[in-house]
């Protein structure tokens, strides 16, 4: 691939890296909030497990009841928030799964098609034919490879560092195997 052909991929790669950074920061903030909420819940649980000695003063008892009610309301609000965040994360993971399935399935299909096309070209060359007859098919495959490259960039930006080497290597392997 020439530098001119690679420029759009580099631009999309930079954009994906920026998007990945924002997603990573959002996930880190979400994790920090969940950790704080867990600590709060653990303290509350510890406090509620034992019955402290209290004064029998009615005003004091009313104050404790009001505090308990406020704690319950706060806990319910935080629980709703936590459930919402968990559902949001599950939705994001499901979207990511769909993206990954499209990418890996498309890559597998393209690798098979490239292999078949290579065999046809080799057969034509051995028979003395012109492999130019396959130019349209090859151009179509290049379009599929370009689309998979974009999908791969999106997948890497969403998944993060652990999948970058696998996705990049797989794209490179298919590209090198198909056009080498």
N, C-alpha and C. Protein backbone atom coordinates (compact mmCIF):
# COMPACT_ATOMS: atom_id res chain seq x y z
N UNK A 1 0.86 -1.17 0.00
CA UNK A 1 0.00 0.00 0.00
C UNK A 1 0.91 1.23 0.00
N UNK A 2 0.61 2.17 -0.85
CA UNK A 2 1.43 3.37 -0.97
C UNK A 2 1.13 4.31 0.20
N UNK A 3 2.02 5.29 0.44
CA UNK A 3 1.77 6.26 1.52
C UNK A 3 0.46 7.02 1.31
N UNK A 4 0.13 7.31 0.04
CA UNK A 4 -1.12 8.02 -0.23
C UNK A 4 -2.33 7.15 0.13
N UNK A 5 -2.22 5.87 -0.19
CA UNK A 5 -3.33 4.95 0.15
C UNK A 5 -3.41 4.73 1.65
N UNK A 6 -2.28 4.81 2.33
CA UNK A 6 -2.25 4.59 3.77
C UNK A 6 -2.68 5.79 4.59
N UNK A 7 -2.66 6.97 3.99
CA UNK A 7 -2.99 8.21 4.74
C UNK A 7 -4.37 8.16 5.38
N UNK A 8 -5.42 7.70 4.66
CA UNK A 8 -6.73 7.65 5.32
C UNK A 8 -6.73 6.69 6.52
N UNK A 9 -5.99 5.59 6.39
CA UNK A 9 -5.93 4.65 7.52
C UNK A 9 -5.22 5.28 8.71
N UNK A 10 -4.15 6.02 8.44
CA UNK A 10 -3.43 6.69 9.53
C UNK A 10 -4.31 7.73 10.20
N UNK A 11 -5.07 8.47 9.40
CA UNK A 11 -5.98 9.48 9.97
C UNK A 11 -7.03 8.79 10.83
N UNK A 12 -7.63 7.73 10.31
CA UNK A 12 -8.65 7.01 11.08
C UNK A 12 -8.04 6.38 12.32
N UNK A 13 -6.79 5.93 12.20
CA UNK A 13 -6.10 5.34 13.36
C UNK A 13 -5.94 6.40 14.46
N UNK A 14 -5.51 7.61 14.08
CA UNK A 14 -5.36 8.68 15.09
C UNK A 14 -6.70 9.02 15.72
N UNK A 15 -7.73 9.11 14.89
CA UNK A 15 -9.06 9.40 15.42
C UNK A 15 -9.52 8.30 16.36
N UNK A 16 -9.27 7.05 15.99
CA UNK A 16 -9.65 5.92 16.83
C UNK A 16 -8.87 5.93 18.14
N UNK A 17 -7.59 6.29 18.08
CA UNK A 17 -6.77 6.38 19.29
C UNK A 17 -7.35 7.43 20.24
N UNK A 18 -7.74 8.57 19.69
CA UNK A 18 -8.33 9.62 20.53
C UNK A 18 -9.64 9.15 21.14
N UNK A 19 -10.47 8.49 20.34
CA UNK A 19 -11.74 7.97 20.83
C UNK A 19 -11.50 6.90 21.90
N UNK A 20 -10.50 6.05 21.68
CA UNK A 20 -10.16 5.03 22.66
C UNK A 20 -9.73 5.68 23.97
N UNK A 21 -8.93 6.74 23.90
CA UNK A 21 -8.49 7.44 25.11
C UNK A 21 -9.67 7.98 25.90
N UNK A 22 -10.65 8.55 25.19
CA UNK A 22 -11.84 9.06 25.88
C UNK A 22 -12.63 7.93 26.51
N UNK A 23 -12.77 6.81 25.81
CA UNK A 23 -13.50 5.66 26.35
C UNK A 23 -12.77 5.10 27.57
N UNK A 24 -11.44 5.00 27.46
CA UNK A 24 -10.64 4.48 28.57
C UNK A 24 -10.79 5.37 29.80
N UNK A 25 -10.75 6.71 29.60
CA UNK A 25 -10.93 7.63 30.73
C UNK A 25 -12.31 7.48 31.34
N UNK A 26 -13.31 7.35 30.49
CA UNK A 26 -14.69 7.17 30.99
C UNK A 26 -14.80 5.88 31.80
N UNK A 27 -14.20 4.80 31.29
CA UNK A 27 -14.25 3.52 32.01
C UNK A 27 -13.50 3.61 33.34
N UNK A 28 -12.37 4.33 33.36
CA UNK A 28 -11.61 4.48 34.60
C UNK A 28 -12.42 5.25 35.63
N UNK A 29 -13.07 6.34 35.18
CA UNK A 29 -13.91 7.12 36.09
C UNK A 29 -15.07 6.29 36.61
N UNK A 30 -15.66 5.51 35.75
CA UNK A 30 -16.77 4.64 36.16
C UNK A 30 -16.29 3.63 37.20
N UNK A 31 -15.13 3.04 36.98
CA UNK A 31 -14.57 2.08 37.93
C UNK A 31 -14.29 2.75 39.28
N UNK A 32 -13.74 3.95 39.24
CA UNK A 32 -13.46 4.67 40.48
C UNK A 32 -14.75 4.95 41.24
N UNK A 33 -15.78 5.37 40.52
CA UNK A 33 -17.07 5.63 41.17
C UNK A 33 -17.65 4.36 41.77
N UNK A 34 -17.55 3.26 41.05
CA UNK A 34 -18.08 1.99 41.56
C UNK A 34 -17.30 1.54 42.79
N UNK A 35 -15.98 1.76 42.79
CA UNK A 35 -15.17 1.40 43.96
C UNK A 35 -15.58 2.24 45.18
N UNK A 36 -15.78 3.53 44.96
CA UNK A 36 -16.22 4.40 46.07
C UNK A 36 -17.58 3.97 46.59
N UNK A 37 -18.46 3.63 45.68
CA UNK A 37 -19.80 3.18 46.09
C UNK A 37 -19.71 1.88 46.87
N UNK A 38 -18.86 0.98 46.44
CA UNK A 38 -18.68 -0.28 47.16
C UNK A 38 -18.16 -0.02 48.57
N UNK A 39 -17.18 0.87 48.69
CA UNK A 39 -16.67 1.22 50.02
C UNK A 39 -17.78 1.79 50.90
N UNK A 40 -18.57 2.66 50.32
CA UNK A 40 -19.69 3.27 51.05
C UNK A 40 -20.67 2.19 51.50
N UNK A 41 -20.99 1.28 50.61
CA UNK A 41 -21.92 0.19 50.96
C UNK A 41 -21.35 -0.71 52.06
N UNK A 42 -20.05 -0.98 51.98
CA UNK A 42 -19.42 -1.81 53.00
C UNK A 42 -19.45 -1.13 54.37
N UNK A 43 -19.18 0.19 54.39
CA UNK A 43 -19.25 0.93 55.66
C UNK A 43 -20.67 0.92 56.20
N UNK A 44 -21.62 1.13 55.31
CA UNK A 44 -23.02 1.14 55.73
C UNK A 44 -23.43 -0.23 56.27
N UNK A 45 -23.01 -1.28 55.59
CA UNK A 45 -23.33 -2.62 56.04
C UNK A 45 -22.73 -2.89 57.42
N UNK A 46 -21.50 -2.47 57.61
CA UNK A 46 -20.84 -2.66 58.89
C UNK A 46 -21.57 -1.90 59.99
N UNK A 47 -21.98 -0.69 59.66
CA UNK A 47 -22.68 0.12 60.64
C UNK A 47 -24.05 -0.46 60.99
N UNK A 48 -24.72 -1.05 60.00
CA UNK A 48 -26.07 -1.58 60.25
C UNK A 48 -26.07 -2.98 60.86
N UNK A 49 -24.93 -3.69 60.83
CA UNK A 49 -24.89 -5.04 61.37
C UNK A 49 -24.99 -5.07 62.88
N UNK A 50 -24.51 -4.05 63.49
CA UNK A 50 -24.57 -4.04 64.96
C UNK A 50 -25.50 -2.92 65.41
N UNK A 51 -26.16 -3.17 66.49
CA UNK A 51 -27.03 -2.14 67.05
C UNK A 51 -26.25 -1.38 68.11
N UNK A 52 -26.03 -0.12 67.82
CA UNK A 52 -25.29 0.67 68.80
C UNK A 52 -26.18 0.98 70.00
N UNK A 53 -25.55 1.25 71.10
CA UNK A 53 -26.34 1.68 72.25
C UNK A 53 -26.77 3.12 71.98
N UNK A 54 -28.01 3.41 72.26
CA UNK A 54 -28.56 4.75 72.01
C UNK A 54 -29.25 5.24 73.27
N UNK A 55 -29.41 6.55 73.32
CA UNK A 55 -30.15 7.13 74.43
C UNK A 55 -31.63 6.91 74.18
N UNK A 56 -32.38 6.79 75.20
CA UNK A 56 -33.82 6.59 75.10
C UNK A 56 -34.58 7.89 74.93
N UNK A 57 -33.89 8.97 74.71
CA UNK A 57 -34.50 10.28 74.53
C UNK A 57 -35.28 10.29 73.22
N UNK A 58 -36.56 10.69 73.27
CA UNK A 58 -37.40 10.65 72.08
C UNK A 58 -36.88 11.55 70.96
N UNK A 59 -36.37 12.72 71.29
CA UNK A 59 -35.84 13.63 70.26
C UNK A 59 -34.64 12.98 69.58
N UNK A 60 -33.79 12.35 70.36
CA UNK A 60 -32.61 11.68 69.81
C UNK A 60 -33.03 10.50 68.93
N UNK A 61 -34.01 9.72 69.38
CA UNK A 61 -34.49 8.58 68.61
C UNK A 61 -35.11 9.05 67.28
N UNK A 62 -35.86 10.16 67.32
CA UNK A 62 -36.44 10.71 66.09
C UNK A 62 -35.33 11.13 65.11
N UNK A 63 -34.29 11.74 65.66
CA UNK A 63 -33.15 12.15 64.83
C UNK A 63 -32.49 10.93 64.19
N UNK A 64 -32.32 9.84 64.93
CA UNK A 64 -31.72 8.61 64.39
C UNK A 64 -32.62 8.01 63.31
N UNK A 65 -33.92 8.04 63.53
CA UNK A 65 -34.85 7.52 62.51
C UNK A 65 -34.75 8.36 61.24
N UNK A 66 -34.68 9.66 61.37
CA UNK A 66 -34.55 10.54 60.21
C UNK A 66 -33.24 10.27 59.47
N UNK A 67 -32.14 10.11 60.19
CA UNK A 67 -30.85 9.79 59.58
C UNK A 67 -30.91 8.45 58.85
N UNK A 68 -31.56 7.48 59.48
CA UNK A 68 -31.70 6.16 58.87
C UNK A 68 -32.51 6.24 57.57
N UNK A 69 -33.58 7.02 57.60
CA UNK A 69 -34.41 7.20 56.40
C UNK A 69 -33.61 7.89 55.30
N UNK A 70 -32.85 8.92 55.68
CA UNK A 70 -32.00 9.61 54.70
C UNK A 70 -30.96 8.66 54.11
N UNK A 71 -30.37 7.83 54.96
CA UNK A 71 -29.38 6.86 54.47
C UNK A 71 -30.02 5.89 53.50
N UNK A 72 -31.22 5.46 53.83
CA UNK A 72 -31.93 4.52 52.96
C UNK A 72 -32.22 5.17 51.60
N UNK A 73 -32.65 6.41 51.62
CA UNK A 73 -32.93 7.13 50.37
C UNK A 73 -31.66 7.29 49.55
N UNK A 74 -30.57 7.67 50.20
CA UNK A 74 -29.29 7.83 49.50
C UNK A 74 -28.83 6.50 48.92
N UNK A 75 -28.97 5.45 49.71
CA UNK A 75 -28.56 4.12 49.25
C UNK A 75 -29.37 3.70 48.02
N UNK A 76 -30.66 3.92 48.04
CA UNK A 76 -31.50 3.56 46.89
C UNK A 76 -31.09 4.36 45.66
N UNK A 77 -30.79 5.63 45.84
CA UNK A 77 -30.36 6.47 44.72
C UNK A 77 -29.03 5.98 44.14
N UNK A 78 -28.09 5.67 45.02
CA UNK A 78 -26.80 5.19 44.56
C UNK A 78 -26.94 3.83 43.89
N UNK A 79 -27.81 2.99 44.43
CA UNK A 79 -28.02 1.68 43.83
C UNK A 79 -28.61 1.83 42.43
N UNK A 80 -29.55 2.74 42.26
CA UNK A 80 -30.14 2.98 40.94
C UNK A 80 -29.06 3.48 39.97
N UNK A 81 -28.22 4.36 40.45
CA UNK A 81 -27.13 4.88 39.63
C UNK A 81 -26.18 3.76 39.22
N UNK A 82 -25.82 2.92 40.17
CA UNK A 82 -24.92 1.80 39.91
C UNK A 82 -25.53 0.84 38.90
N UNK A 83 -26.79 0.52 39.07
CA UNK A 83 -27.47 -0.38 38.12
C UNK A 83 -27.48 0.24 36.73
N UNK A 84 -27.74 1.53 36.65
CA UNK A 84 -27.73 2.22 35.35
C UNK A 84 -26.38 2.14 34.68
N UNK A 85 -25.32 2.35 35.46
CA UNK A 85 -23.96 2.29 34.91
C UNK A 85 -23.63 0.87 34.45
N UNK A 86 -24.03 -0.11 35.24
CA UNK A 86 -23.78 -1.51 34.86
C UNK A 86 -24.53 -1.85 33.57
N UNK A 87 -25.76 -1.40 33.45
CA UNK A 87 -26.53 -1.65 32.23
C UNK A 87 -25.90 -0.93 31.04
N UNK A 88 -25.40 0.27 31.27
CA UNK A 88 -24.72 1.03 30.21
C UNK A 88 -23.47 0.28 29.74
N UNK A 89 -22.72 -0.25 30.69
CA UNK A 89 -21.51 -0.99 30.34
C UNK A 89 -21.86 -2.27 29.61
N UNK A 90 -22.91 -2.95 30.04
CA UNK A 90 -23.33 -4.18 29.35
C UNK A 90 -23.73 -3.88 27.91
N UNK A 91 -24.45 -2.80 27.70
CA UNK A 91 -24.85 -2.38 26.35
C UNK A 91 -23.61 -2.12 25.49
N UNK A 92 -22.65 -1.41 26.04
CA UNK A 92 -21.42 -1.13 25.32
C UNK A 92 -20.69 -2.42 24.96
N UNK A 93 -20.62 -3.37 25.91
CA UNK A 93 -19.94 -4.64 25.66
C UNK A 93 -20.67 -5.44 24.58
N UNK A 94 -22.00 -5.40 24.57
CA UNK A 94 -22.76 -6.10 23.53
C UNK A 94 -22.50 -5.49 22.15
N UNK A 95 -22.43 -4.17 22.08
CA UNK A 95 -22.12 -3.51 20.81
C UNK A 95 -20.71 -3.88 20.36
N UNK A 96 -19.79 -3.95 21.31
CA UNK A 96 -18.42 -4.32 21.02
C UNK A 96 -18.35 -5.77 20.52
N UNK A 97 -19.13 -6.65 21.12
CA UNK A 97 -19.18 -8.04 20.68
C UNK A 97 -19.67 -8.13 19.24
N UNK A 98 -20.71 -7.40 18.91
CA UNK A 98 -21.23 -7.41 17.54
C UNK A 98 -20.16 -6.91 16.55
N UNK A 99 -19.44 -5.86 16.94
CA UNK A 99 -18.37 -5.33 16.11
C UNK A 99 -17.27 -6.37 15.92
N UNK A 100 -16.86 -7.01 17.01
CA UNK A 100 -15.81 -8.03 16.94
C UNK A 100 -16.24 -9.21 16.07
N UNK A 101 -17.49 -9.64 16.21
CA UNK A 101 -17.97 -10.75 15.39
C UNK A 101 -17.96 -10.38 13.91
N UNK A 102 -18.38 -9.15 13.58
CA UNK A 102 -18.36 -8.72 12.17
C UNK A 102 -16.93 -8.70 11.64
N UNK A 103 -16.01 -8.16 12.44
CA UNK A 103 -14.63 -8.05 12.00
C UNK A 103 -14.01 -9.43 11.77
N UNK A 104 -14.06 -10.30 12.78
CA UNK A 104 -13.38 -11.59 12.67
C UNK A 104 -14.03 -12.48 11.61
N UNK A 105 -15.34 -12.42 11.48
CA UNK A 105 -16.01 -13.21 10.44
C UNK A 105 -15.61 -12.67 9.06
N UNK A 106 -15.65 -11.36 8.90
CA UNK A 106 -15.26 -10.76 7.62
C UNK A 106 -13.82 -11.05 7.27
N UNK A 107 -12.95 -11.02 8.25
CA UNK A 107 -11.54 -11.30 8.01
C UNK A 107 -11.35 -12.74 7.57
N UNK A 108 -12.06 -13.65 8.21
CA UNK A 108 -11.97 -15.06 7.85
C UNK A 108 -12.47 -15.29 6.43
N UNK A 109 -13.61 -14.70 6.10
CA UNK A 109 -14.17 -14.84 4.75
C UNK A 109 -13.22 -14.26 3.70
N UNK A 110 -12.64 -13.10 3.99
CA UNK A 110 -11.74 -12.46 3.05
C UNK A 110 -10.47 -13.31 2.86
N UNK A 111 -9.95 -13.87 3.92
CA UNK A 111 -8.76 -14.71 3.82
C UNK A 111 -9.04 -15.92 2.92
N UNK A 112 -10.22 -16.53 3.07
CA UNK A 112 -10.59 -17.66 2.21
C UNK A 112 -10.69 -17.23 0.75
N UNK A 113 -11.35 -16.11 0.52
CA UNK A 113 -11.51 -15.62 -0.85
C UNK A 113 -10.16 -15.27 -1.47
N UNK A 114 -9.29 -14.66 -0.68
CA UNK A 114 -7.96 -14.34 -1.20
C UNK A 114 -7.17 -15.59 -1.55
N UNK A 115 -7.28 -16.59 -0.72
CA UNK A 115 -6.59 -17.86 -0.98
C UNK A 115 -7.10 -18.48 -2.28
N UNK A 116 -8.42 -18.50 -2.44
CA UNK A 116 -9.01 -19.04 -3.68
C UNK A 116 -8.55 -18.24 -4.89
N UNK A 117 -8.53 -16.92 -4.77
CA UNK A 117 -8.11 -16.06 -5.88
C UNK A 117 -6.65 -16.29 -6.23
N UNK A 118 -5.81 -16.46 -5.22
CA UNK A 118 -4.40 -16.75 -5.47
C UNK A 118 -4.25 -18.05 -6.24
N UNK A 119 -5.01 -19.05 -5.86
CA UNK A 119 -4.95 -20.34 -6.56
C UNK A 119 -5.37 -20.18 -8.02
N UNK A 120 -6.39 -19.37 -8.28
CA UNK A 120 -6.83 -19.12 -9.65
C UNK A 120 -5.74 -18.42 -10.47
N UNK A 121 -5.11 -17.42 -9.85
CA UNK A 121 -4.04 -16.69 -10.54
C UNK A 121 -2.89 -17.63 -10.86
N UNK A 122 -2.48 -18.45 -9.89
CA UNK A 122 -1.39 -19.40 -10.13
C UNK A 122 -1.76 -20.38 -11.23
N UNK A 123 -2.99 -20.84 -11.21
CA UNK A 123 -3.46 -21.77 -12.25
C UNK A 123 -3.44 -21.13 -13.62
N UNK A 124 -3.87 -19.89 -13.71
CA UNK A 124 -3.86 -19.18 -15.00
C UNK A 124 -2.43 -18.96 -15.49
N UNK A 125 -1.55 -18.59 -14.56
CA UNK A 125 -0.16 -18.35 -14.95
C UNK A 125 0.49 -19.63 -15.46
N UNK A 126 0.23 -20.76 -14.78
CA UNK A 126 0.79 -22.05 -15.20
C UNK A 126 0.24 -22.48 -16.55
N UNK A 127 -1.00 -22.15 -16.82
CA UNK A 127 -1.63 -22.53 -18.09
C UNK A 127 -1.30 -21.54 -19.20
N UNK A 128 -0.59 -20.49 -18.86
CA UNK A 128 -0.22 -19.49 -19.85
C UNK A 128 -1.31 -18.46 -20.10
N UNK A 129 -2.32 -18.43 -19.28
CA UNK A 129 -3.40 -17.47 -19.44
C UNK A 129 -3.04 -16.12 -18.83
N UNK A 130 -3.92 -15.18 -19.01
CA UNK A 130 -3.71 -13.83 -18.49
C UNK A 130 -4.44 -13.67 -17.15
N UNK A 131 -3.71 -13.44 -16.07
CA UNK A 131 -4.37 -13.21 -14.79
C UNK A 131 -5.12 -11.89 -14.75
N UNK A 132 -5.01 -11.08 -15.81
CA UNK A 132 -5.73 -9.81 -15.86
C UNK A 132 -7.23 -10.01 -15.79
N UNK A 133 -7.69 -11.19 -16.16
CA UNK A 133 -9.13 -11.46 -16.11
C UNK A 133 -9.66 -11.38 -14.69
N UNK A 134 -8.77 -11.49 -13.73
CA UNK A 134 -9.19 -11.46 -12.32
C UNK A 134 -9.07 -10.06 -11.71
N UNK A 135 -8.69 -9.06 -12.50
CA UNK A 135 -8.46 -7.71 -11.96
C UNK A 135 -9.69 -7.17 -11.24
N UNK A 136 -10.88 -7.35 -11.81
CA UNK A 136 -12.10 -6.85 -11.17
C UNK A 136 -12.33 -7.52 -9.82
N UNK A 137 -12.09 -8.82 -9.75
CA UNK A 137 -12.24 -9.55 -8.49
C UNK A 137 -11.24 -9.03 -7.46
N UNK A 138 -10.03 -8.81 -7.90
CA UNK A 138 -8.99 -8.32 -6.98
C UNK A 138 -9.34 -6.92 -6.48
N UNK A 139 -9.82 -6.05 -7.38
CA UNK A 139 -10.23 -4.71 -6.96
C UNK A 139 -11.35 -4.78 -5.93
N UNK A 140 -12.27 -5.71 -6.12
CA UNK A 140 -13.37 -5.90 -5.16
C UNK A 140 -12.82 -6.35 -3.81
N UNK A 141 -11.85 -7.25 -3.86
CA UNK A 141 -11.24 -7.74 -2.61
C UNK A 141 -10.48 -6.62 -1.90
N UNK A 142 -9.85 -5.74 -2.67
CA UNK A 142 -9.15 -4.60 -2.05
C UNK A 142 -10.14 -3.72 -1.31
N UNK A 143 -11.33 -3.53 -1.90
CA UNK A 143 -12.38 -2.76 -1.22
C UNK A 143 -12.80 -3.42 0.08
N UNK A 144 -12.93 -4.75 0.04
CA UNK A 144 -13.29 -5.48 1.27
C UNK A 144 -12.19 -5.35 2.31
N UNK A 145 -10.94 -5.43 1.87
CA UNK A 145 -9.81 -5.29 2.80
C UNK A 145 -9.80 -3.90 3.42
N UNK A 146 -10.07 -2.88 2.61
CA UNK A 146 -10.13 -1.51 3.13
C UNK A 146 -11.24 -1.38 4.17
N UNK A 147 -12.41 -1.95 3.88
CA UNK A 147 -13.54 -1.90 4.82
C UNK A 147 -13.19 -2.63 6.11
N UNK A 148 -12.53 -3.78 5.98
CA UNK A 148 -12.12 -4.52 7.17
C UNK A 148 -11.07 -3.74 7.96
N UNK A 149 -10.21 -3.03 7.26
CA UNK A 149 -9.22 -2.19 7.95
C UNK A 149 -9.91 -1.15 8.81
N UNK A 150 -10.93 -0.52 8.25
CA UNK A 150 -11.69 0.47 9.03
C UNK A 150 -12.38 -0.18 10.22
N UNK A 151 -12.98 -1.33 9.99
CA UNK A 151 -13.64 -2.06 11.07
C UNK A 151 -12.63 -2.47 12.14
N UNK A 152 -11.43 -2.89 11.70
CA UNK A 152 -10.37 -3.25 12.64
C UNK A 152 -9.92 -2.08 13.49
N UNK A 153 -9.80 -0.91 12.87
CA UNK A 153 -9.43 0.30 13.62
C UNK A 153 -10.49 0.61 14.66
N UNK A 154 -11.75 0.50 14.28
CA UNK A 154 -12.84 0.75 15.23
C UNK A 154 -12.81 -0.27 16.37
N UNK A 155 -12.56 -1.54 16.04
CA UNK A 155 -12.48 -2.59 17.06
C UNK A 155 -11.33 -2.32 18.02
N UNK A 156 -10.16 -1.98 17.47
CA UNK A 156 -9.00 -1.72 18.34
C UNK A 156 -9.25 -0.52 19.24
N UNK A 157 -9.88 0.51 18.71
CA UNK A 157 -10.11 1.70 19.52
C UNK A 157 -11.11 1.41 20.63
N UNK A 158 -12.02 0.48 20.39
CA UNK A 158 -13.01 0.15 21.41
C UNK A 158 -12.48 -0.83 22.44
N UNK A 159 -11.69 -1.80 21.99
CA UNK A 159 -11.19 -2.84 22.90
C UNK A 159 -10.02 -2.38 23.73
N UNK A 160 -9.12 -1.66 23.12
CA UNK A 160 -7.95 -1.21 23.85
C UNK A 160 -6.71 -2.02 23.54
N UNK A 161 -5.71 -1.84 24.34
CA UNK A 161 -4.38 -2.38 24.11
C UNK A 161 -4.30 -3.89 23.92
N UNK A 162 -5.01 -4.71 24.69
CA UNK A 162 -4.81 -6.15 24.56
C UNK A 162 -5.09 -6.70 23.16
N UNK A 163 -6.04 -6.12 22.43
CA UNK A 163 -6.40 -6.66 21.12
C UNK A 163 -5.67 -6.01 19.95
N UNK A 164 -4.97 -4.91 20.18
CA UNK A 164 -4.31 -4.23 19.07
C UNK A 164 -3.35 -5.15 18.31
N UNK A 165 -2.46 -5.88 19.00
CA UNK A 165 -1.53 -6.75 18.25
C UNK A 165 -2.26 -7.82 17.43
N UNK A 166 -3.28 -8.44 17.98
CA UNK A 166 -4.00 -9.50 17.26
C UNK A 166 -4.68 -8.95 16.02
N UNK A 167 -5.38 -7.85 16.16
CA UNK A 167 -6.11 -7.27 15.04
C UNK A 167 -5.13 -6.80 13.97
N UNK A 168 -4.10 -6.08 14.38
CA UNK A 168 -3.12 -5.56 13.42
C UNK A 168 -2.41 -6.70 12.69
N UNK A 169 -1.97 -7.70 13.42
CA UNK A 169 -1.27 -8.84 12.81
C UNK A 169 -2.19 -9.58 11.86
N UNK A 170 -3.44 -9.79 12.26
CA UNK A 170 -4.37 -10.50 11.39
C UNK A 170 -4.61 -9.74 10.09
N UNK A 171 -4.78 -8.43 10.19
CA UNK A 171 -4.95 -7.61 8.97
C UNK A 171 -3.69 -7.66 8.11
N UNK A 172 -2.54 -7.55 8.75
CA UNK A 172 -1.28 -7.60 7.99
C UNK A 172 -1.11 -8.95 7.31
N UNK A 173 -1.44 -10.03 8.02
CA UNK A 173 -1.32 -11.38 7.45
C UNK A 173 -2.20 -11.54 6.22
N UNK A 174 -3.45 -11.11 6.34
CA UNK A 174 -4.38 -11.24 5.22
C UNK A 174 -3.91 -10.37 4.06
N UNK A 175 -3.48 -9.15 4.37
CA UNK A 175 -3.03 -8.23 3.33
C UNK A 175 -1.79 -8.78 2.62
N UNK A 176 -0.82 -9.24 3.39
CA UNK A 176 0.41 -9.77 2.81
C UNK A 176 0.14 -11.08 2.06
N UNK A 177 -0.71 -11.90 2.62
CA UNK A 177 -1.02 -13.19 1.98
C UNK A 177 -1.81 -13.02 0.71
N UNK A 178 -2.63 -12.00 0.66
CA UNK A 178 -3.51 -11.83 -0.50
C UNK A 178 -2.84 -11.10 -1.64
N UNK A 179 -1.90 -10.21 -1.35
CA UNK A 179 -1.36 -9.37 -2.40
C UNK A 179 0.14 -9.62 -2.61
N UNK A 180 0.69 -10.59 -1.82
CA UNK A 180 2.14 -10.79 -1.93
C UNK A 180 2.50 -11.78 -2.99
